[in-house]
């Protein structure tokens, strides 16, 4: 049998994590609104100029990575607190080179 390492967790630690979770849930709601605005703006920009905005694509890609990082913390799958308590995560993968509409 494998040795199972027991850790004792205090209610104070759980409460502190819960408070951070509530804070990050508020941040998550703000991010959802920002992403919705980005999507609408990107399509309006695309209709007008017939090309996408690269700076906005790169920003939204990093924001998606941050949201993923945030969700992992909220669902207790990660212990390290996300930004602003740590560095902003780098993009997990680069955006596609060419956007297809078919």
PDB file of N, CA and C in Angstrom:
ATOM      1  N   UNK A   1       0.818  -1.186   0.000  1.00  0.00           N
ATOM      2  CA  UNK A   1       0.000   0.000   0.000  1.00  0.00           C
ATOM      3  C   UNK A   1       0.861   1.248   0.000  1.00  0.00           C
ATOM      4  N   UNK A   2       0.332   2.256  -0.636  1.00  0.00           N
ATOM      5  CA  UNK A   2       1.048   3.520  -0.650  1.00  0.00           C
ATOM      6  C   UNK A   2       0.798   4.258   0.656  1.00  0.00           C
ATOM      7  N   UNK A   3       1.817   4.964   1.084  1.00  0.00           N
ATOM      8  CA  UNK A   3       1.649   5.788   2.278  1.00  0.00           C
ATOM      9  C   UNK A   3       0.891   7.047   1.899  1.00  0.00           C
ATOM     10  N   UNK A   4      -0.159   7.300   2.620  1.00  0.00           N
ATOM     11  CA  UNK A   4      -0.962   8.483   2.369  1.00  0.00           C
ATOM     12  C   UNK A   4      -0.546   9.539   3.374  1.00  0.00           C
ATOM     13  N   UNK A   5      -0.097  10.649   2.854  1.00  0.00           N
ATOM     14  CA  UNK A   5       0.333  11.731   3.723  1.00  0.00           C
ATOM     15  C   UNK A   5      -0.894  12.538   4.138  1.00  0.00           C
ATOM     16  N   UNK A   6      -1.117  12.606   5.423  1.00  0.00           N
ATOM     17  CA  UNK A   6      -2.263  13.340   5.919  1.00  0.00           C
ATOM     18  C   UNK A   6      -1.846  14.774   6.203  1.00  0.00           C
ATOM     19  N   UNK A   7      -2.707  15.676   5.831  1.00  0.00           N
ATOM     20  CA  UNK A   7      -2.470  17.076   6.135  1.00  0.00           C
ATOM     21  C   UNK A   7      -3.663  17.588   6.912  1.00  0.00           C
ATOM     22  N   UNK A   8      -3.383  18.400   7.869  1.00  0.00           N
ATOM     23  CA  UNK A   8      -4.465  18.997   8.637  1.00  0.00           C
ATOM     24  C   UNK A   8      -4.723  20.385   8.101  1.00  0.00           C
ATOM     25  N   UNK A   9      -5.976  20.632   7.845  1.00  0.00           N
ATOM     26  CA  UNK A   9      -6.385  21.917   7.324  1.00  0.00           C
ATOM     27  C   UNK A   9      -7.252  22.582   8.381  1.00  0.00           C
ATOM     28  N   UNK A  10      -6.930  23.807   8.670  1.00  0.00           N
ATOM     29  CA  UNK A  10      -7.723  24.503   9.675  1.00  0.00           C
ATOM     30  C   UNK A  10      -8.910  25.202   9.015  1.00  0.00           C
ATOM     31  N   UNK A  11      -9.907  25.450   9.792  1.00  0.00           N
ATOM     32  CA  UNK A  11     -11.085  26.168   9.282  1.00  0.00           C
ATOM     33  C   UNK A  11     -10.717  27.591   8.866  1.00  0.00           C
ATOM     34  N   UNK A  12      -9.719  28.148   9.527  1.00  0.00           N
ATOM     35  CA  UNK A  12      -9.254  29.493   9.170  1.00  0.00           C
ATOM     36  C   UNK A  12      -8.682  29.491   7.747  1.00  0.00           C
ATOM     37  N   UNK A  13      -7.893  28.470   7.420  1.00  0.00           N
ATOM     38  CA  UNK A  13      -7.330  28.364   6.068  1.00  0.00           C
ATOM     39  C   UNK A  13      -8.434  28.197   5.024  1.00  0.00           C
ATOM     40  N   UNK A  14      -9.438  27.393   5.370  1.00  0.00           N
ATOM     41  CA  UNK A  14     -10.553  27.192   4.447  1.00  0.00           C
ATOM     42  C   UNK A  14     -11.308  28.499   4.243  1.00  0.00           C
ATOM     43  N   UNK A  15     -11.531  29.236   5.305  1.00  0.00           N
ATOM     44  CA  UNK A  15     -12.245  30.507   5.213  1.00  0.00           C
ATOM     45  C   UNK A  15     -11.472  31.529   4.378  1.00  0.00           C
ATOM     46  N   UNK A  16     -10.167  31.564   4.558  1.00  0.00           N
ATOM     47  CA  UNK A  16      -9.346  32.494   3.767  1.00  0.00           C
ATOM     48  C   UNK A  16      -9.421  32.123   2.290  1.00  0.00           C
ATOM     49  N   UNK A  17      -9.334  30.840   1.991  1.00  0.00           N
ATOM     50  CA  UNK A  17      -9.448  30.407   0.595  1.00  0.00           C
ATOM     51  C   UNK A  17     -10.829  30.738   0.037  1.00  0.00           C
ATOM     52  N   UNK A  18     -11.858  30.568   0.837  1.00  0.00           N
ATOM     53  CA  UNK A  18     -13.213  30.910   0.421  1.00  0.00           C
ATOM     54  C   UNK A  18     -13.338  32.405   0.115  1.00  0.00           C
ATOM     55  N   UNK A  19     -12.732  33.246   0.918  1.00  0.00           N
ATOM     56  CA  UNK A  19     -12.780  34.687   0.669  1.00  0.00           C
ATOM     57  C   UNK A  19     -12.081  35.042  -0.642  1.00  0.00           C
ATOM     58  N   UNK A  20     -10.940  34.421  -0.888  1.00  0.00           N
ATOM     59  CA  UNK A  20     -10.260  34.624  -2.169  1.00  0.00           C
ATOM     60  C   UNK A  20     -11.119  34.120  -3.321  1.00  0.00           C
ATOM     61  N   UNK A  21     -11.800  33.013  -3.105  1.00  0.00           N
ATOM     62  CA  UNK A  21     -12.669  32.453  -4.140  1.00  0.00           C
ATOM     63  C   UNK A  21     -13.802  33.419  -4.469  1.00  0.00           C
ATOM     64  N   UNK A  22     -14.410  34.009  -3.467  1.00  0.00           N
ATOM     65  CA  UNK A  22     -15.472  34.987  -3.706  1.00  0.00           C
ATOM     66  C   UNK A  22     -14.923  36.182  -4.484  1.00  0.00           C
ATOM     67  N   UNK A  23     -13.750  36.646  -4.112  1.00  0.00           N
ATOM     68  CA  UNK A  23     -13.115  37.754  -4.837  1.00  0.00           C
ATOM     69  C   UNK A  23     -12.873  37.386  -6.295  1.00  0.00           C
ATOM     70  N   UNK A  24     -12.346  36.181  -6.527  1.00  0.00           N
ATOM     71  CA  UNK A  24     -12.062  35.755  -7.891  1.00  0.00           C
ATOM     72  C   UNK A  24     -13.326  35.458  -8.692  1.00  0.00           C
ATOM     73  N   UNK A  25     -14.404  35.094  -8.020  1.00  0.00           N
ATOM     74  CA  UNK A  25     -15.677  34.936  -8.731  1.00  0.00           C
ATOM     75  C   UNK A  25     -16.165  36.283  -9.265  1.00  0.00           C
ATOM     76  N   UNK A  26     -15.953  37.333  -8.514  1.00  0.00           N
ATOM     77  CA  UNK A  26     -16.291  38.679  -8.993  1.00  0.00           C
ATOM     78  C   UNK A  26     -15.411  39.071 -10.175  1.00  0.00           C
ATOM     79  N   UNK A  27     -14.132  38.755 -10.078  1.00  0.00           N
ATOM     80  CA  UNK A  27     -13.210  39.028 -11.188  1.00  0.00           C
ATOM     81  C   UNK A  27     -13.645  38.240 -12.419  1.00  0.00           C
ATOM     82  N   UNK A  28     -14.064  36.998 -12.228  1.00  0.00           N
ATOM     83  CA  UNK A  28     -14.514  36.166 -13.339  1.00  0.00           C
ATOM     84  C   UNK A  28     -15.726  36.788 -14.038  1.00  0.00           C
ATOM     85  N   UNK A  29     -16.655  37.324 -13.291  1.00  0.00           N
ATOM     86  CA  UNK A  29     -17.831  37.971 -13.889  1.00  0.00           C
ATOM     87  C   UNK A  29     -17.425  39.194 -14.705  1.00  0.00           C
ATOM     88  N   UNK A  30     -16.460  39.942 -14.233  1.00  0.00           N
ATOM     89  CA  UNK A  30     -15.958  41.099 -14.981  1.00  0.00           C
ATOM     90  C   UNK A  30     -15.284  40.640 -16.265  1.00  0.00           C
ATOM     91  N   UNK A  31     -14.497  39.574 -16.177  1.00  0.00           N
ATOM     92  CA  UNK A  31     -13.820  39.040 -17.361  1.00  0.00           C
ATOM     93  C   UNK A  31     -14.835  38.569 -18.391  1.00  0.00           C
ATOM     94  N   UNK A  32     -15.918  37.912 -17.940  1.00  0.00           N
ATOM     95  CA  UNK A  32     -16.955  37.486 -18.880  1.00  0.00           C
ATOM     96  C   UNK A  32     -17.517  38.679 -19.648  1.00  0.00           C
ATOM     97  N   UNK A  33     -17.763  39.769 -18.977  1.00  0.00           N
ATOM     98  CA  UNK A  33     -18.271  40.974 -19.634  1.00  0.00           C
ATOM     99  C   UNK A  33     -17.245  41.519 -20.626  1.00  0.00           C
ATOM    100  N   UNK A  34     -15.993  41.547 -20.228  1.00  0.00           N
ATOM    101  CA  UNK A  34     -14.931  42.043 -21.119  1.00  0.00           C
ATOM    102  C   UNK A  34     -14.839  41.174 -22.367  1.00  0.00           C
ATOM    103  N   UNK A  35     -14.915  39.865 -22.216  1.00  0.00           N
ATOM    104  CA  UNK A  35     -14.841  38.967 -23.372  1.00  0.00           C
ATOM    105  C   UNK A  35     -16.029  39.185 -24.298  1.00  0.00           C
ATOM    106  N   UNK A  36     -17.208  39.389 -23.746  1.00  0.00           N
ATOM    107  CA  UNK A  36     -18.381  39.659 -24.577  1.00  0.00           C
ATOM    108  C   UNK A  36     -18.201  40.948 -25.371  1.00  0.00           C
ATOM    109  N   UNK A  37     -17.660  41.967 -24.745  1.00  0.00           N
ATOM    110  CA  UNK A  37     -17.407  43.230 -25.440  1.00  0.00           C
ATOM    111  C   UNK A  37     -16.361  43.034 -26.535  1.00  0.00           C
ATOM    112  N   UNK A  38     -15.306  42.282 -26.229  1.00  0.00           N
ATOM    113  CA  UNK A  38     -14.260  42.015 -27.225  1.00  0.00           C
ATOM    114  C   UNK A  38     -14.840  41.288 -28.437  1.00  0.00           C
ATOM    115  N   UNK A  39     -15.673  40.278 -28.198  1.00  0.00           N
ATOM    116  CA  UNK A  39     -16.268  39.522 -29.302  1.00  0.00           C
ATOM    117  C   UNK A  39     -17.098  40.435 -30.192  1.00  0.00           C
ATOM    118  N   UNK A  40     -17.951  41.239 -29.592  1.00  0.00           N
ATOM    119  CA  UNK A  40     -18.777  42.158 -30.386  1.00  0.00           C
ATOM    120  C   UNK A  40     -17.921  43.157 -31.156  1.00  0.00           C
ATOM    121  N   UNK A  41     -16.933  43.733 -30.480  1.00  0.00           N
ATOM    122  CA  UNK A  41     -16.071  44.700 -31.147  1.00  0.00           C
ATOM    123  C   UNK A  41     -15.295  44.051 -32.287  1.00  0.00           C
ATOM    124  N   UNK A  42     -14.790  42.844 -32.056  1.00  0.00           N
ATOM    125  CA  UNK A  42     -13.997  42.162 -33.081  1.00  0.00           C
ATOM    126  C   UNK A  42     -14.838  41.913 -34.344  1.00  0.00           C
ATOM    127  N   UNK A  43     -16.103  41.517 -34.172  1.00  0.00           N
ATOM    128  CA  UNK A  43     -16.952  41.281 -35.342  1.00  0.00           C
ATOM    129  C   UNK A  43     -17.352  42.589 -36.029  1.00  0.00           C
ATOM    130  N   UNK A  44     -17.591  43.626 -35.275  1.00  0.00           N
ATOM    131  CA  UNK A  44     -17.877  44.930 -35.890  1.00  0.00           C
ATOM    132  C   UNK A  44     -16.665  45.402 -36.676  1.00  0.00           C
ATOM    133  N   UNK A  45     -15.488  45.260 -36.082  1.00  0.00           N
ATOM    134  CA  UNK A  45     -14.247  45.632 -36.761  1.00  0.00           C
ATOM    135  C   UNK A  45     -14.044  44.791 -38.017  1.00  0.00           C
ATOM    136  N   UNK A  46     -14.355  43.507 -37.928  1.00  0.00           N
ATOM    137  CA  UNK A  46     -14.209  42.597 -39.064  1.00  0.00           C
ATOM    138  C   UNK A  46     -15.160  42.978 -40.199  1.00  0.00           C
ATOM    139  N   UNK A  47     -16.405  43.316 -39.887  1.00  0.00           N
ATOM    140  CA  UNK A  47     -17.358  43.738 -40.911  1.00  0.00           C
ATOM    141  C   UNK A  47     -16.907  45.011 -41.615  1.00  0.00           C
ATOM    142  N   UNK A  48     -16.342  45.933 -40.859  1.00  0.00           N
ATOM    143  CA  UNK A  48     -15.943  47.223 -41.442  1.00  0.00           C
ATOM    144  C   UNK A  48     -14.654  47.100 -42.246  1.00  0.00           C
ATOM    145  N   UNK A  49     -13.637  46.455 -41.677  1.00  0.00           N
ATOM    146  CA  UNK A  49     -12.321  46.440 -42.324  1.00  0.00           C
ATOM    147  C   UNK A  49     -12.015  45.155 -43.094  1.00  0.00           C
ATOM    148  N   UNK A  50     -12.841  44.128 -42.948  1.00  0.00           N
ATOM    149  CA  UNK A  50     -12.641  42.814 -43.568  1.00  0.00           C
ATOM    150  C   UNK A  50     -11.350  42.136 -43.113  1.00  0.00           C
ATOM    151  N   UNK A  51     -10.822  42.533 -41.953  1.00  0.00           N
ATOM    152  CA  UNK A  51      -9.678  41.855 -41.343  1.00  0.00           C
ATOM    153  C   UNK A  51      -9.824  41.956 -39.825  1.00  0.00           C
ATOM    154  N   UNK A  52      -9.178  41.034 -39.150  1.00  0.00           N
ATOM    155  CA  UNK A  52      -9.275  41.032 -37.686  1.00  0.00           C
ATOM    156  C   UNK A  52      -8.226  41.955 -37.078  1.00  0.00           C
ATOM    157  N   UNK A  53      -8.424  42.302 -35.818  1.00  0.00           N
ATOM    158  CA  UNK A  53      -7.493  43.149 -35.088  1.00  0.00           C
ATOM    159  C   UNK A  53      -6.525  42.242 -34.332  1.00  0.00           C
ATOM    160  N   UNK A  54      -5.253  42.226 -34.754  1.00  0.00           N
ATOM    161  CA  UNK A  54      -4.268  41.325 -34.151  1.00  0.00           C
ATOM    162  C   UNK A  54      -4.002  41.635 -32.682  1.00  0.00           C
ATOM    163  N   UNK A  55      -3.915  42.897 -32.327  1.00  0.00           N
ATOM    164  CA  UNK A  55      -3.651  43.249 -30.933  1.00  0.00           C
ATOM    165  C   UNK A  55      -4.782  42.774 -30.031  1.00  0.00           C
ATOM    166  N   UNK A  56      -6.002  42.913 -30.499  1.00  0.00           N
ATOM    167  CA  UNK A  56      -7.149  42.466 -29.725  1.00  0.00           C
ATOM    168  C   UNK A  56      -7.189  40.936 -29.642  1.00  0.00           C
ATOM    169  N   UNK A  57      -6.835  40.263 -30.714  1.00  0.00           N
ATOM    170  CA  UNK A  57      -6.767  38.792 -30.689  1.00  0.00           C
ATOM    171  C   UNK A  57      -5.730  38.315 -29.689  1.00  0.00           C
ATOM    172  N   UNK A  58      -4.560  38.951 -29.678  1.00  0.00           N
ATOM    173  CA  UNK A  58      -3.512  38.542 -28.738  1.00  0.00           C
ATOM    174  C   UNK A  58      -3.935  38.813 -27.296  1.00  0.00           C
ATOM    175  N   UNK A  59      -4.560  39.965 -27.056  1.00  0.00           N
ATOM    176  CA  UNK A  59      -5.033  40.277 -25.707  1.00  0.00           C
ATOM    177  C   UNK A  59      -6.095  39.277 -25.260  1.00  0.00           C
ATOM    178  N   UNK A  60      -7.058  38.988 -26.120  1.00  0.00           N
ATOM    179  CA  UNK A  60      -8.125  38.061 -25.740  1.00  0.00           C
ATOM    180  C   UNK A  60      -7.582  36.647 -25.548  1.00  0.00           C
ATOM    181  N   UNK A  61      -6.563  36.269 -26.293  1.00  0.00           N
ATOM    182  CA  UNK A  61      -5.927  34.969 -26.109  1.00  0.00           C
ATOM    183  C   UNK A  61      -5.292  34.872 -24.723  1.00  0.00           C
ATOM    184  N   UNK A  62      -4.590  35.922 -24.312  1.00  0.00           N
ATOM    185  CA  UNK A  62      -4.001  35.936 -22.969  1.00  0.00           C
ATOM    186  C   UNK A  62      -5.084  35.967 -21.897  1.00  0.00           C
ATOM    187  N   UNK A  63      -6.163  36.672 -22.165  1.00  0.00           N
ATOM    188  CA  UNK A  63      -7.269  36.733 -21.220  1.00  0.00           C
ATOM    189  C   UNK A  63      -7.928  35.360 -21.060  1.00  0.00           C
ATOM    190  N   UNK A  64      -8.004  34.603 -22.131  1.00  0.00           N
ATOM    191  CA  UNK A  64      -8.540  33.232 -22.060  1.00  0.00           C
ATOM    192  C   UNK A  64      -7.634  32.347 -21.212  1.00  0.00           C
ATOM    193  N   UNK A  65      -6.342  32.493 -21.362  1.00  0.00           N
ATOM    194  CA  UNK A  65      -5.396  31.727 -20.555  1.00  0.00           C
ATOM    195  C   UNK A  65      -5.543  32.088 -19.082  1.00  0.00           C
ATOM    196  N   UNK A  66      -5.685  33.380 -18.808  1.00  0.00           N
ATOM    197  CA  UNK A  66      -5.875  33.825 -17.432  1.00  0.00           C
ATOM    198  C   UNK A  66      -7.179  33.271 -16.861  1.00  0.00           C
ATOM    199  N   UNK A  67      -8.235  33.253 -17.664  1.00  0.00           N
ATOM    200  CA  UNK A  67      -9.522  32.727 -17.213  1.00  0.00           C
ATOM    201  C   UNK A  67      -9.413  31.245 -16.894  1.00  0.00           C
ATOM    202  N   UNK A  68      -8.689  30.514 -17.713  1.00  0.00           N
ATOM    203  CA  UNK A  68      -8.450  29.093 -17.453  1.00  0.00           C
ATOM    204  C   UNK A  68      -7.715  28.911 -16.124  1.00  0.00           C
ATOM    205  N   UNK A  69      -6.697  29.720 -15.912  1.00  0.00           N
ATOM    206  CA  UNK A  69      -5.924  29.689 -14.675  1.00  0.00           C
ATOM    207  C   UNK A  69      -6.829  30.002 -13.476  1.00  0.00           C
ATOM    208  N   UNK A  70      -7.666  30.987 -13.638  1.00  0.00           N
ATOM    209  CA  UNK A  70      -8.603  31.399 -12.601  1.00  0.00           C
ATOM    210  C   UNK A  70      -9.595  30.284 -12.267  1.00  0.00           C
ATOM    211  N   UNK A  71     -10.127  29.635 -13.286  1.00  0.00           N
ATOM    212  CA  UNK A  71     -11.090  28.559 -13.069  1.00  0.00           C
ATOM    213  C   UNK A  71     -10.450  27.366 -12.353  1.00  0.00           C
ATOM    214  N   UNK A  72      -9.208  27.097 -12.662  1.00  0.00           N
ATOM    215  CA  UNK A  72      -8.515  26.011 -11.967  1.00  0.00           C
ATOM    216  C   UNK A  72      -8.376  26.325 -10.482  1.00  0.00           C
ATOM    217  N   UNK A  73      -8.096  27.580 -10.144  1.00  0.00           N
ATOM    218  CA  UNK A  73      -8.001  27.974  -8.738  1.00  0.00           C
ATOM    219  C   UNK A  73      -9.368  27.888  -8.061  1.00  0.00           C
ATOM    220  N   UNK A  74     -10.406  28.383  -8.744  1.00  0.00           N
ATOM    221  CA  UNK A  74     -11.747  28.389  -8.162  1.00  0.00           C
ATOM    222  C   UNK A  74     -12.268  26.981  -7.892  1.00  0.00           C
ATOM    223  N   UNK A  75     -11.934  26.036  -8.749  1.00  0.00           N
ATOM    224  CA  UNK A  75     -12.438  24.665  -8.606  1.00  0.00           C
ATOM    225  C   UNK A  75     -11.505  23.769  -7.791  1.00  0.00           C
ATOM    226  N   UNK A  76     -10.584  24.387  -7.079  1.00  0.00           N
ATOM    227  CA  UNK A  76      -9.647  23.692  -6.185  1.00  0.00           C
ATOM    228  C   UNK A  76      -8.718  22.737  -6.917  1.00  0.00           C
ATOM    229  N   UNK A  77      -8.409  23.045  -8.166  1.00  0.00           N
ATOM    230  CA  UNK A  77      -7.461  22.239  -8.937  1.00  0.00           C
ATOM    231  C   UNK A  77      -6.085  22.870  -9.008  1.00  0.00           C
ATOM    232  N   UNK A  78      -5.925  24.001  -8.351  1.00  0.00           N
ATOM    233  CA  UNK A  78      -4.651  24.700  -8.343  1.00  0.00           C
ATOM    234  C   UNK A  78      -4.544  25.452  -7.021  1.00  0.00           C
ATOM    235  N   UNK A  79      -3.360  25.484  -6.444  1.00  0.00           N
ATOM    236  CA  UNK A  79      -3.185  26.172  -5.162  1.00  0.00           C
ATOM    237  C   UNK A  79      -2.633  27.575  -5.301  1.00  0.00           C
ATOM    238  N   UNK A  80      -1.887  27.815  -6.357  1.00  0.00           N
ATOM    239  CA  UNK A  80      -1.276  29.129  -6.533  1.00  0.00           C
ATOM    240  C   UNK A  80      -2.333  30.136  -6.964  1.00  0.00           C
ATOM    241  N   UNK A  81      -2.425  31.245  -6.224  1.00  0.00           N
ATOM    242  CA  UNK A  81      -3.414  32.263  -6.558  1.00  0.00           C
ATOM    243  C   UNK A  81      -3.073  32.925  -7.890  1.00  0.00           C
ATOM    244  N   UNK A  82      -4.084  33.187  -8.705  1.00  0.00           N
ATOM    245  CA  UNK A  82      -3.853  33.850  -9.990  1.00  0.00           C
ATOM    246  C   UNK A  82      -3.511  35.325  -9.826  1.00  0.00           C
ATOM    247  N   UNK A  83      -3.255  35.964 -10.961  1.00  0.00           N
ATOM    248  CA  UNK A  83      -3.008  37.397 -11.017  1.00  0.00           C
ATOM    249  C   UNK A  83      -4.152  38.109 -10.305  1.00  0.00           C
ATOM    250  N   UNK A  84      -3.961  39.117  -9.535  1.00  0.00           N
ATOM    251  CA  UNK A  84      -2.812  39.990  -9.336  1.00  0.00           C
ATOM    252  C   UNK A  84      -1.875  39.559  -8.224  1.00  0.00           C
ATOM    253  N   UNK A  85      -2.122  38.407  -7.589  1.00  0.00           N
ATOM    254  CA  UNK A  85      -1.253  37.960  -6.507  1.00  0.00           C
ATOM    255  C   UNK A  85      -0.016  37.238  -7.028  1.00  0.00           C
ATOM    256  N   UNK A  86      -0.012  36.882  -8.283  1.00  0.00           N
ATOM    257  CA  UNK A  86       1.135  36.277  -8.960  1.00  0.00           C
ATOM    258  C   UNK A  86       1.212  36.868 -10.361  1.00  0.00           C
ATOM    259  N   UNK A  87       2.214  36.442 -11.115  1.00  0.00           N
ATOM    260  CA  UNK A  87       2.400  36.965 -12.467  1.00  0.00           C
ATOM    261  C   UNK A  87       1.236  36.582 -13.374  1.00  0.00           C
ATOM    262  N   UNK A  88       0.979  37.443 -14.359  1.00  0.00           N
ATOM    263  CA  UNK A  88      -0.039  37.144 -15.363  1.00  0.00           C
ATOM    264  C   UNK A  88       0.471  35.977 -16.195  1.00  0.00           C
ATOM    265  N   UNK A  89      -0.344  34.953 -16.420  1.00  0.00           N
ATOM    266  CA  UNK A  89       0.160  33.773 -17.135  1.00  0.00           C
ATOM    267  C   UNK A  89       0.425  34.071 -18.607  1.00  0.00           C
ATOM    268  N   UNK A  90       1.459  33.458 -19.169  1.00  0.00           N
ATOM    269  CA  UNK A  90       1.687  33.613 -20.602  1.00  0.00           C
ATOM    270  C   UNK A  90       0.629  32.838 -21.383  1.00  0.00           C
ATOM    271  N   UNK A  91       0.452  33.175 -22.631  1.00  0.00           N
ATOM    272  CA  UNK A  91      -0.532  32.477 -23.472  1.00  0.00           C
ATOM    273  C   UNK A  91      -0.160  31.001 -23.578  1.00  0.00           C
ATOM    274  N   UNK A  92      -1.164  30.131 -23.465  1.00  0.00           N
ATOM    275  CA  UNK A  92      -0.906  28.689 -23.557  1.00  0.00           C
ATOM    276  C   UNK A  92      -0.556  28.296 -24.980  1.00  0.00           C
ATOM    277  N   UNK A  93      -1.237  28.882 -25.942  1.00  0.00           N
ATOM    278  CA  UNK A  93      -0.962  28.601 -27.351  1.00  0.00           C
ATOM    279  C   UNK A  93      -1.245  29.867 -28.150  1.00  0.00           C
ATOM    280  N   UNK A  94      -0.570  29.980 -29.260  1.00  0.00           N
ATOM    281  CA  UNK A  94      -0.722  31.153 -30.112  1.00  0.00           C
ATOM    282  C   UNK A  94      -2.037  31.087 -30.891  1.00  0.00           C
ATOM    283  N   UNK A  95      -2.609  32.250 -31.235  1.00  0.00           N
ATOM    284  CA  UNK A  95      -3.818  32.229 -32.075  1.00  0.00           C
ATOM    285  C   UNK A  95      -3.506  31.637 -33.448  1.00  0.00           C
ATOM    286  N   UNK A  96      -4.521  31.105 -34.096  1.00  0.00           N
ATOM    287  CA  UNK A  96      -4.320  30.556 -35.436  1.00  0.00           C
ATOM    288  C   UNK A  96      -3.887  31.675 -36.377  1.00  0.00           C
ATOM    289  N   UNK A  97      -3.121  31.307 -37.396  1.00  0.00           N
ATOM    290  CA  UNK A  97      -2.617  32.312 -38.337  1.00  0.00           C
ATOM    291  C   UNK A  97      -3.719  32.909 -39.192  1.00  0.00           C
ATOM    292  N   UNK A  98      -4.577  32.062 -39.701  1.00  0.00           N
ATOM    293  CA  UNK A  98      -5.633  32.517 -40.603  1.00  0.00           C
ATOM    294  C   UNK A  98      -6.974  32.071 -40.037  1.00  0.00           C
ATOM    295  N   UNK A  99      -7.901  33.001 -39.957  1.00  0.00           N
ATOM    296  CA  UNK A  99      -9.234  32.690 -39.438  1.00  0.00           C
ATOM    297  C   UNK A  99     -10.109  32.222 -40.584  1.00  0.00           C
ATOM    298  N   UNK A 100     -10.794  31.100 -40.378  1.00  0.00           N
ATOM    299  CA  UNK A 100     -11.661  30.544 -41.414  1.00  0.00           C
ATOM    300  C   UNK A 100     -13.121  30.793 -41.048  1.00  0.00           C
ATOM    301  N   UNK A 101     -13.941  31.068 -42.058  1.00  0.00           N
ATOM    302  CA  UNK A 101     -15.373  31.344 -41.835  1.00  0.00           C
ATOM    303  C   UNK A 101     -16.259  30.313 -42.487  1.00  0.00           C
ATOM    304  N   UNK A 102     -15.756  29.165 -42.771  1.00  0.00           N
ATOM    305  CA  UNK A 102     -16.539  28.109 -43.416  1.00  0.00           C
ATOM    306  C   UNK A 102     -16.842  27.014 -42.471  1.00  0.00           C
TER     307      UNK A 102
END
